[in-house]
PDB file of N, CA and C in Angstrom:
ATOM      1  N   MET A   1      -8.411  50.678   9.009  1.00  0.00           N
ATOM      2  CA  MET A   1      -9.121  49.662   8.280  1.00  0.00           C
ATOM      3  C   MET A   1      -8.440  49.369   6.945  1.00  0.00           C
ATOM      4  N   THR A   2      -7.977  50.385   6.257  1.00  0.00           N
ATOM      5  CA  THR A   2      -7.306  50.176   4.972  1.00  0.00           C
ATOM      6  C   THR A   2      -5.985  49.437   5.158  1.00  0.00           C
ATOM      7  N   ILE A   3      -5.338  49.649   6.295  1.00  0.00           N
ATOM      8  CA  ILE A   3      -4.083  48.938   6.568  1.00  0.00           C
ATOM      9  C   ILE A   3      -4.345  47.439   6.677  1.00  0.00           C
ATOM     10  N   LEU A   4      -5.412  47.064   7.357  1.00  0.00           N
ATOM     11  CA  LEU A   4      -5.773  45.653   7.480  1.00  0.00           C
ATOM     12  C   LEU A   4      -6.126  45.049   6.116  1.00  0.00           C
ATOM     13  N   LEU A   5      -6.853  45.819   5.315  1.00  0.00           N
ATOM     14  CA  LEU A   5      -7.242  45.347   3.984  1.00  0.00           C
ATOM     15  C   LEU A   5      -6.012  45.159   3.090  1.00  0.00           C
ATOM     16  N   GLN A   6      -5.079  46.092   3.151  1.00  0.00           N
ATOM     17  CA  GLN A   6      -3.863  45.969   2.352  1.00  0.00           C
ATOM     18  C   GLN A   6      -3.014  44.784   2.823  1.00  0.00           C
ATOM     19  N   GLY A   7      -2.960  44.554   4.121  1.00  0.00           N
ATOM     20  CA  GLY A   7      -2.234  43.410   4.659  1.00  0.00           C
ATOM     21  C   GLY A   7      -2.838  42.097   4.198  1.00  0.00           C
ATOM     22  N   HIS A   8      -4.165  42.046   4.183  1.00  0.00           N
ATOM     23  CA  HIS A   8      -4.856  40.838   3.730  1.00  0.00           C
ATOM     24  C   HIS A   8      -4.598  40.591   2.247  1.00  0.00           C
ATOM     25  N   ARG A   9      -4.626  41.645   1.437  1.00  0.00           N
ATOM     26  CA  ARG A   9      -4.345  41.510   0.001  1.00  0.00           C
ATOM     27  C   ARG A   9      -2.916  41.042  -0.245  1.00  0.00           C
ATOM     28  N   ALA A  10      -1.971  41.566   0.515  1.00  0.00           N
ATOM     29  CA  ALA A  10      -0.574  41.160   0.362  1.00  0.00           C
ATOM     30  C   ALA A  10      -0.404  39.684   0.699  1.00  0.00           C
ATOM     31  N   LYS A  11      -1.111  39.245   1.728  1.00  0.00           N
ATOM     32  CA  LYS A  11      -1.038  37.835   2.114  1.00  0.00           C
ATOM     33  C   LYS A  11      -1.617  36.949   1.016  1.00  0.00           C
ATOM     34  N   MET A  12      -2.710  37.371   0.396  1.00  0.00           N
ATOM     35  CA  MET A  12      -3.320  36.604  -0.680  1.00  0.00           C
ATOM     36  C   MET A  12      -2.392  36.556  -1.905  1.00  0.00           C
ATOM     37  N   ASP A  13      -1.687  37.651  -2.193  1.00  0.00           N
ATOM     38  CA  ASP A  13      -0.749  37.677  -3.313  1.00  0.00           C
ATOM     39  C   ASP A  13       0.395  36.700  -3.074  1.00  0.00           C
ATOM     40  N   GLU A  14       0.890  36.633  -1.849  1.00  0.00           N
ATOM     41  CA  GLU A  14       1.962  35.708  -1.514  1.00  0.00           C
ATOM     42  C   GLU A  14       1.487  34.263  -1.640  1.00  0.00           C
ATOM     43  N   ARG A  15       0.269  33.990  -1.284  1.00  0.00           N
ATOM     44  CA  ARG A  15      -0.273  32.642  -1.379  1.00  0.00           C
ATOM     45  C   ARG A  15      -0.326  32.194  -2.839  1.00  0.00           C
ATOM     46  N   GLY A  16      -0.717  33.089  -3.724  1.00  0.00           N
ATOM     47  CA  GLY A  16      -0.747  32.768  -5.151  1.00  0.00           C
ATOM     48  C   GLY A  16       0.645  32.534  -5.706  1.00  0.00           C
ATOM     49  N   ALA A  17       1.593  33.346  -5.270  1.00  0.00           N
ATOM     50  CA  ALA A  17       2.972  33.176  -5.719  1.00  0.00           C
ATOM     51  C   ALA A  17       3.529  31.852  -5.219  1.00  0.00           C
ATOM     52  N   SER A  18       3.200  31.472  -4.003  1.00  0.00           N
ATOM     53  CA  SER A  18       3.673  30.198  -3.463  1.00  0.00           C
ATOM     54  C   SER A  18       3.103  29.030  -4.254  1.00  0.00           C
ATOM     55  N   ALA A  19       1.837  29.128  -4.637  1.00  0.00           N
ATOM     56  CA  ALA A  19       1.218  28.057  -5.416  1.00  0.00           C
ATOM     57  C   ALA A  19       1.918  27.900  -6.764  1.00  0.00           C
ATOM     58  N   VAL A  20       2.271  29.001  -7.385  1.00  0.00           N
ATOM     59  CA  VAL A  20       2.982  28.951  -8.668  1.00  0.00           C
ATOM     60  C   VAL A  20       4.364  28.340  -8.474  1.00  0.00           C
ATOM     61  N   GLU A  21       5.050  28.718  -7.416  1.00  0.00           N
ATOM     62  CA  GLU A  21       6.377  28.169  -7.143  1.00  0.00           C
ATOM     63  C   GLU A  21       6.303  26.665  -6.905  1.00  0.00           C
ATOM     64  N   TYR A  22       5.317  26.216  -6.137  1.00  0.00           N
ATOM     65  CA  TYR A  22       5.164  24.785  -5.903  1.00  0.00           C
ATOM     66  C   TYR A  22       4.831  24.054  -7.199  1.00  0.00           C
ATOM     67  N   GLY A  23       4.019  24.646  -8.028  1.00  0.00           N
ATOM     68  CA  GLY A  23       3.688  24.045  -9.317  1.00  0.00           C
ATOM     69  C   GLY A  23       4.918  23.893 -10.201  1.00  0.00           C
ATOM     70  N   LEU A  24       5.755  24.911 -10.236  1.00  0.00           N
ATOM     71  CA  LEU A  24       6.989  24.828 -11.018  1.00  0.00           C
ATOM     72  C   LEU A  24       7.937  23.781 -10.453  1.00  0.00           C
ATOM     73  N   LEU A  25       8.000  23.690  -9.142  1.00  0.00           N
ATOM     74  CA  LEU A  25       8.852  22.697  -8.499  1.00  0.00           C
ATOM     75  C   LEU A  25       8.387  21.279  -8.847  1.00  0.00           C
ATOM     76  N   ILE A  26       7.090  21.047  -8.790  1.00  0.00           N
ATOM     77  CA  ILE A  26       6.538  19.731  -9.132  1.00  0.00           C
ATOM     78  C   ILE A  26       6.786  19.417 -10.608  1.00  0.00           C
ATOM     79  N   ALA A  27       6.620  20.387 -11.474  1.00  0.00           N
ATOM     80  CA  ALA A  27       6.870  20.174 -12.904  1.00  0.00           C
ATOM     81  C   ALA A  27       8.340  19.847 -13.150  1.00  0.00           C
ATOM     82  N   GLY A  28       9.233  20.502 -12.450  1.00  0.00           N
ATOM     83  CA  GLY A  28      10.665  20.218 -12.585  1.00  0.00           C
ATOM     84  C   GLY A  28      11.007  18.814 -12.125  1.00  0.00           C
ATOM     85  N   ILE A  29      10.454  18.397 -10.997  1.00  0.00           N
ATOM     86  CA  ILE A  29      10.704  17.047 -10.489  1.00  0.00           C
ATOM     87  C   ILE A  29      10.153  16.008 -11.461  1.00  0.00           C
ATOM     88  N   ALA A  30       8.974  16.261 -12.003  1.00  0.00           N
ATOM     89  CA  ALA A  30       8.388  15.331 -12.974  1.00  0.00           C
ATOM     90  C   ALA A  30       9.263  15.219 -14.223  1.00  0.00           C
ATOM     91  N   ALA A  31       9.811  16.329 -14.671  1.00  0.00           N
ATOM     92  CA  ALA A  31      10.684  16.307 -15.848  1.00  0.00           C
ATOM     93  C   ALA A  31      11.950  15.498 -15.565  1.00  0.00           C
ATOM     94  N   ILE A  32      12.507  15.635 -14.368  1.00  0.00           N
ATOM     95  CA  ILE A  32      13.696  14.877 -14.004  1.00  0.00           C
ATOM     96  C   ILE A  32      13.385  13.381 -13.965  1.00  0.00           C
ATOM     97  N   ILE A  33      12.220  13.017 -13.444  1.00  0.00           N
ATOM     98  CA  ILE A  33      11.824  11.606 -13.392  1.00  0.00           C
ATOM     99  C   ILE A  33      11.669  11.048 -14.804  1.00  0.00           C
ATOM    100  N   VAL A  34      11.055  11.805 -15.695  1.00  0.00           N
ATOM    101  CA  VAL A  34      10.874  11.340 -17.074  1.00  0.00           C
ATOM    102  C   VAL A  34      12.226  11.133 -17.749  1.00  0.00           C
ATOM    103  N   VAL A  35      13.141  12.058 -17.567  1.00  0.00           N
ATOM    104  CA  VAL A  35      14.473  11.931 -18.167  1.00  0.00           C
ATOM    105  C   VAL A  35      15.201  10.717 -17.594  1.00  0.00           C
ATOM    106  N   ALA A  36      15.100  10.492 -16.287  1.00  0.00           N
ATOM    107  CA  ALA A  36      15.757   9.345 -15.664  1.00  0.00           C
ATOM    108  C   ALA A  36      15.193   8.031 -16.186  1.00  0.00           C
ATOM    109  N   VAL A  37      13.882   7.952 -16.332  1.00  0.00           N
ATOM    110  CA  VAL A  37      13.263   6.720 -16.841  1.00  0.00           C
ATOM    111  C   VAL A  37      13.675   6.488 -18.293  1.00  0.00           C
ATOM    112  N   MET A  38      13.702   7.528 -19.080  1.00  0.00           N
ATOM    113  CA  MET A  38      14.106   7.379 -20.481  1.00  0.00           C
ATOM    114  C   MET A  38      15.574   6.973 -20.587  1.00  0.00           C
ATOM    115  N   ALA A  39      16.419   7.498 -19.721  1.00  0.00           N
ATOM    116  CA  ALA A  39      17.845   7.182 -19.773  1.00  0.00           C
ATOM    117  C   ALA A  39      18.133   5.781 -19.246  1.00  0.00           C
ATOM    118  N   LEU A  40      17.446   5.363 -18.200  1.00  0.00           N
ATOM    119  CA  LEU A  40      17.716   4.076 -17.582  1.00  0.00           C
ATOM    120  C   LEU A  40      16.866   2.939 -18.132  1.00  0.00           C
ATOM    121  N   GLY A  41      15.893   3.230 -18.936  1.00  0.00           N
ATOM    122  CA  GLY A  41      15.014   2.210 -19.491  1.00  0.00           C
ATOM    123  C   GLY A  41      15.748   1.105 -20.229  1.00  0.00           C
ATOM    124  N   PRO A  42      16.617   1.445 -21.187  1.00  0.00           N
ATOM    125  CA  PRO A  42      17.347   0.389 -21.898  1.00  0.00           C
ATOM    126  C   PRO A  42      18.252  -0.439 -20.983  1.00  0.00           C
ATOM    127  N   VAL A  43      18.832   0.183 -19.982  1.00  0.00           N
ATOM    128  CA  VAL A  43      19.702  -0.538 -19.049  1.00  0.00           C
ATOM    129  C   VAL A  43      18.902  -1.567 -18.264  1.00  0.00           C
ATOM    130  N   VAL A  44      17.744  -1.172 -17.786  1.00  0.00           N
ATOM    131  CA  VAL A  44      16.893  -2.088 -17.020  1.00  0.00           C
ATOM    132  C   VAL A  44      16.380  -3.210 -17.917  1.00  0.00           C
ATOM    133  N   LYS A  45      15.990  -2.878 -19.130  1.00  0.00           N
ATOM    134  CA  LYS A  45      15.506  -3.895 -20.067  1.00  0.00           C
ATOM    135  C   LYS A  45      16.599  -4.915 -20.358  1.00  0.00           C
ATOM    136  N   GLU A  46      17.815  -4.460 -20.553  1.00  0.00           N
ATOM    137  CA  GLU A  46      18.931  -5.366 -20.812  1.00  0.00           C
ATOM    138  C   GLU A  46      19.207  -6.263 -19.609  1.00  0.00           C
ATOM    139  N   ALA A  47      19.104  -5.716 -18.401  1.00  0.00           N
ATOM    140  CA  ALA A  47      19.324  -6.518 -17.201  1.00  0.00           C
ATOM    141  C   ALA A  47      18.283  -7.628 -17.094  1.00  0.00           C
ATOM    142  N   PHE A  48      17.033  -7.328 -17.367  1.00  0.00           N
ATOM    143  CA  PHE A  48      15.991  -8.344 -17.337  1.00  0.00           C
ATOM    144  C   PHE A  48      16.204  -9.381 -18.439  1.00  0.00           C
ATOM    145  N   SER A  49      16.613  -8.933 -19.603  1.00  0.00           N
ATOM    146  CA  SER A  49      16.865  -9.845 -20.705  1.00  0.00           C
ATOM    147  C   SER A  49      18.017 -10.794 -20.375  1.00  0.00           C
ATOM    148  N   ASP A  50      19.098 -10.260 -19.795  1.00  0.00           N
ATOM    149  CA  ASP A  50      20.229 -11.094 -19.402  1.00  0.00           C
ATOM    150  C   ASP A  50      19.828 -12.107 -18.340  1.00  0.00           C
ATOM    151  N   THR A  51      19.018 -11.681 -17.393  1.00  0.00           N
ATOM    152  CA  THR A  51      18.548 -12.593 -16.348  1.00  0.00           C
ATOM    153  C   THR A  51      17.703 -13.701 -16.941  1.00  0.00           C
ATOM    154  N   CYS A  52      16.826 -13.357 -17.855  1.00  0.00           N
ATOM    155  CA  CYS A  52      15.969 -14.353 -18.489  1.00  0.00           C
ATOM    156  C   CYS A  52      16.811 -15.341 -19.292  1.00  0.00           C
ATOM    157  N   THR A  53      17.790 -14.845 -20.007  1.00  0.00           N
ATOM    158  CA  THR A  53      18.662 -15.720 -20.782  1.00  0.00           C
ATOM    159  C   THR A  53      19.429 -16.672 -19.866  1.00  0.00           C
ATOM    160  N   ALA A  54      19.915 -16.175 -18.750  1.00  0.00           N
ATOM    161  CA  ALA A  54      20.641 -17.020 -17.804  1.00  0.00           C
ATOM    162  C   ALA A  54      19.736 -18.095 -17.222  1.00  0.00           C
ATOM    163  N   ILE A  55      18.508 -17.741 -16.888  1.00  0.00           N
ATOM    164  CA  ILE A  55      17.566 -18.715 -16.345  1.00  0.00           C
ATOM    165  C   ILE A  55      17.220 -19.754 -17.406  1.00  0.00           C
ATOM    166  N   ARG A  56      17.007 -19.314 -18.631  1.00  0.00           N
ATOM    167  CA  ARG A  56      16.659 -20.225 -19.718  1.00  0.00           C
ATOM    168  C   ARG A  56      17.800 -21.215 -19.982  1.00  0.00           C
ATOM    169  N   SER A  57      19.040 -20.751 -19.922  1.00  0.00           N
ATOM    170  CA  SER A  57      20.168 -21.635 -20.213  1.00  0.00           C
ATOM    171  C   SER A  57      20.456 -22.601 -19.062  1.00  0.00           C
ATOM    172  N   SER A  58      20.044 -22.261 -17.840  1.00  0.00           N
ATOM    173  CA  SER A  58      20.331 -23.136 -16.697  1.00  0.00           C
ATOM    174  C   SER A  58      19.224 -24.147 -16.421  1.00  0.00           C
ATOM    175  N   THR A  59      18.086 -24.018 -17.053  1.00  0.00           N
ATOM    176  CA  THR A  59      17.000 -24.966 -16.836  1.00  0.00           C
ATOM    177  C   THR A  59      16.884 -25.916 -18.007  1.00  0.00           C
ATOM    178  N   THR A  60      16.301 -27.080 -17.738  1.00  0.00           N
ATOM    179  CA  THR A  60      16.115 -28.052 -18.809  1.00  0.00           C
ATOM    180  C   THR A  60      14.766 -27.902 -19.506  1.00  0.00           C
ATOM    181  N   THR A  61      13.877 -27.125 -18.905  1.00  0.00           N
ATOM    182  CA  THR A  61      12.584 -26.911 -19.533  1.00  0.00           C
ATOM    183  C   THR A  61      12.684 -25.812 -20.574  1.00  0.00           C
ATOM    184  N   THR A  62      11.689 -25.702 -21.387  1.00  0.00           N
ATOM    185  CA  THR A  62      11.695 -24.656 -22.423  1.00  0.00           C
ATOM    186  C   THR A  62      11.031 -23.406 -21.845  1.00  0.00           C
ATOM    187  N   ALA A  63      11.832 -22.612 -21.187  1.00  0.00           N
ATOM    188  CA  ALA A  63      11.327 -21.362 -20.616  1.00  0.00           C
ATOM    189  C   ALA A  63      11.272 -20.309 -21.706  1.00  0.00           C
ATOM    190  N   THR A  64      10.274 -19.472 -21.628  1.00  0.00           N
ATOM    191  CA  THR A  64      10.156 -18.382 -22.593  1.00  0.00           C
ATOM    192  C   THR A  64      10.176 -17.061 -21.864  1.00  0.00           C
ATOM    193  N   CYS A  65      10.707 -16.083 -22.508  1.00  0.00           N
ATOM    194  CA  CYS A  65      10.761 -14.732 -21.946  1.00  0.00           C
ATOM    195  C   CYS A  65       9.891 -13.826 -22.802  1.00  0.00           C
ATOM    196  N   SER A  66       9.030 -13.083 -22.171  1.00  0.00           N
ATOM    197  CA  SER A  66       8.207 -12.145 -22.922  1.00  0.00           C
ATOM    198  C   SER A  66       8.829 -10.767 -22.823  1.00  0.00           C
ATOM    199  N   THR A  67       8.743 -10.001 -23.877  1.00  0.00           N
ATOM    200  CA  THR A  67       9.334  -8.661 -23.892  1.00  0.00           C
ATOM    201  C   THR A  67       8.284  -7.617 -23.849  1.00  0.00           C
TER     202      THR A  67
END
């Protein structure tokens, strides 16, 4: 009976460790996403600005671009 109880406790300990590992993995992925957005943000903003400028210069109407 004690062998079964010890086996069950070991399984529960592994489940807790797995949850912590998954939590760390998710936190790491989230950090990578934040860094990527911060690094690529100005590049994307510039691309949209250039596109808006090109559209504004090719049309005869007074197009406005919001930032």
